[in-house]
Amino acid sequence: MSTTLDAPAQRSTPLHAQLLDTIGRQVVSGELSPGTVLRIDPLDERHG
């Protein structure tokens, strides 16, 4: 399953803000369903 978290982050905005925006869009769109567990290692690999 490919998600928008797979896309490299643009570095003009702080990383934490980009990550929160990405996760927020996924929650609102239904891509991340209630109860989804987000692990730090995959997030770190994708966004550094």
N, C-alpha and C. Protein backbone atom coordinates (compact mmCIF):
# COMPACT_ATOMS: atom_id res chain seq x y z
N MET A 1 0.84 -1.18 0.00
CA MET A 1 0.00 0.00 0.00
C MET A 1 0.89 1.24 0.00
N SER A 2 0.71 2.11 -0.93
CA SER A 2 1.46 3.34 -1.01
C SER A 2 0.64 4.47 -0.41
N THR A 3 1.28 5.29 0.40
CA THR A 3 0.60 6.41 1.02
C THR A 3 1.37 7.68 0.73
N THR A 4 0.77 8.81 1.10
CA THR A 4 1.47 10.07 0.91
C THR A 4 2.68 10.17 1.82
N LEU A 5 2.77 9.33 2.84
CA LEU A 5 3.96 9.31 3.68
C LEU A 5 5.16 8.80 2.92
N ASP A 6 4.93 8.13 1.79
CA ASP A 6 6.03 7.63 0.97
C ASP A 6 6.74 8.74 0.22
N ALA A 7 6.07 9.86 0.05
CA ALA A 7 6.64 10.96 -0.72
C ALA A 7 7.70 11.69 0.09
N PRO A 8 8.80 12.07 -0.54
CA PRO A 8 9.81 12.82 0.20
C PRO A 8 9.27 14.18 0.63
N ALA A 9 9.67 14.60 1.79
CA ALA A 9 9.19 15.87 2.33
C ALA A 9 9.91 17.04 1.68
N GLN A 10 9.20 18.14 1.53
CA GLN A 10 9.83 19.37 1.07
C GLN A 10 10.44 20.03 2.30
N ARG A 11 11.67 20.46 2.21
CA ARG A 11 12.40 20.94 3.39
C ARG A 11 12.22 22.42 3.69
N SER A 12 11.36 23.15 2.98
CA SER A 12 11.17 24.56 3.27
C SER A 12 10.35 24.76 4.54
N THR A 13 9.57 23.77 4.94
CA THR A 13 8.78 23.78 6.16
C THR A 13 9.44 22.82 7.14
N PRO A 14 9.44 23.13 8.44
CA PRO A 14 10.04 22.20 9.41
C PRO A 14 9.45 20.79 9.27
N LEU A 15 10.31 19.81 9.47
CA LEU A 15 9.93 18.41 9.27
C LEU A 15 8.72 18.01 10.10
N HIS A 16 8.69 18.39 11.37
CA HIS A 16 7.56 17.98 12.20
C HIS A 16 6.25 18.56 11.69
N ALA A 17 6.27 19.77 11.16
CA ALA A 17 5.06 20.38 10.61
C ALA A 17 4.61 19.64 9.35
N GLN A 18 5.57 19.27 8.50
CA GLN A 18 5.24 18.52 7.29
C GLN A 18 4.63 17.17 7.65
N LEU A 19 5.23 16.51 8.62
CA LEU A 19 4.75 15.20 9.03
C LEU A 19 3.34 15.29 9.59
N LEU A 20 3.09 16.27 10.45
CA LEU A 20 1.74 16.45 11.00
C LEU A 20 0.73 16.79 9.92
N ASP A 21 1.11 17.62 8.97
CA ASP A 21 0.21 17.95 7.85
C ASP A 21 -0.12 16.70 7.04
N THR A 22 0.89 15.89 6.76
CA THR A 22 0.69 14.67 5.98
C THR A 22 -0.23 13.70 6.71
N ILE A 23 0.03 13.48 7.98
CA ILE A 23 -0.81 12.56 8.77
C ILE A 23 -2.22 13.12 8.88
N GLY A 24 -2.34 14.42 9.09
CA GLY A 24 -3.66 15.05 9.17
C GLY A 24 -4.47 14.85 7.89
N ARG A 25 -3.83 15.04 6.74
CA ARG A 25 -4.53 14.82 5.46
C ARG A 25 -4.96 13.37 5.32
N GLN A 26 -4.12 12.44 5.77
CA GLN A 26 -4.47 11.02 5.68
C GLN A 26 -5.63 10.67 6.60
N VAL A 27 -5.69 11.26 7.77
CA VAL A 27 -6.80 11.01 8.69
C VAL A 27 -8.10 11.56 8.11
N VAL A 28 -8.07 12.80 7.65
CA VAL A 28 -9.27 13.45 7.11
C VAL A 28 -9.78 12.72 5.87
N SER A 29 -8.87 12.24 5.02
CA SER A 29 -9.29 11.57 3.79
C SER A 29 -9.76 10.14 4.03
N GLY A 30 -9.50 9.61 5.23
CA GLY A 30 -9.89 8.23 5.52
C GLY A 30 -8.81 7.22 5.18
N GLU A 31 -7.67 7.69 4.68
CA GLU A 31 -6.57 6.79 4.35
C GLU A 31 -6.02 6.12 5.61
N LEU A 32 -6.00 6.85 6.71
CA LEU A 32 -5.64 6.28 8.01
C LEU A 32 -6.93 6.12 8.81
N SER A 33 -7.29 4.90 9.07
CA SER A 33 -8.54 4.65 9.78
C SER A 33 -8.32 4.77 11.29
N PRO A 34 -9.42 4.95 12.04
CA PRO A 34 -9.31 5.01 13.50
C PRO A 34 -8.60 3.76 14.03
N GLY A 35 -7.71 3.96 14.96
CA GLY A 35 -6.97 2.85 15.55
C GLY A 35 -5.69 2.49 14.83
N THR A 36 -5.39 3.16 13.71
CA THR A 36 -4.15 2.89 13.00
C THR A 36 -2.96 3.24 13.89
N VAL A 37 -2.01 2.34 13.98
CA VAL A 37 -0.81 2.56 14.77
C VAL A 37 0.30 3.06 13.86
N LEU A 38 0.85 4.20 14.19
CA LEU A 38 1.97 4.76 13.42
C LEU A 38 3.25 4.48 14.19
N ARG A 39 4.17 3.81 13.55
CA ARG A 39 5.46 3.47 14.16
C ARG A 39 6.51 4.49 13.74
N ILE A 40 7.36 4.86 14.67
CA ILE A 40 8.35 5.90 14.41
C ILE A 40 9.40 5.47 13.39
N ASP A 41 9.81 4.20 13.40
CA ASP A 41 10.86 3.76 12.47
C ASP A 41 10.47 3.96 11.01
N PRO A 42 9.28 3.52 10.57
CA PRO A 42 8.90 3.77 9.17
C PRO A 42 8.77 5.27 8.86
N LEU A 43 8.28 6.05 9.81
CA LEU A 43 8.17 7.49 9.58
C LEU A 43 9.56 8.11 9.44
N ASP A 44 10.48 7.67 10.26
CA ASP A 44 11.85 8.18 10.19
C ASP A 44 12.52 7.80 8.87
N GLU A 45 12.29 6.59 8.41
CA GLU A 45 12.87 6.14 7.14
C GLU A 45 12.36 6.98 5.98
N ARG A 46 11.09 7.34 6.02
CA ARG A 46 10.49 8.09 4.90
C ARG A 46 10.81 9.57 4.95
N HIS A 47 10.92 10.12 6.17
CA HIS A 47 11.05 11.57 6.29
C HIS A 47 12.36 12.03 6.90
N GLY A 48 13.14 11.10 7.42
CA GLY A 48 14.46 11.44 7.97
C GLY A 48 14.40 12.39 9.08
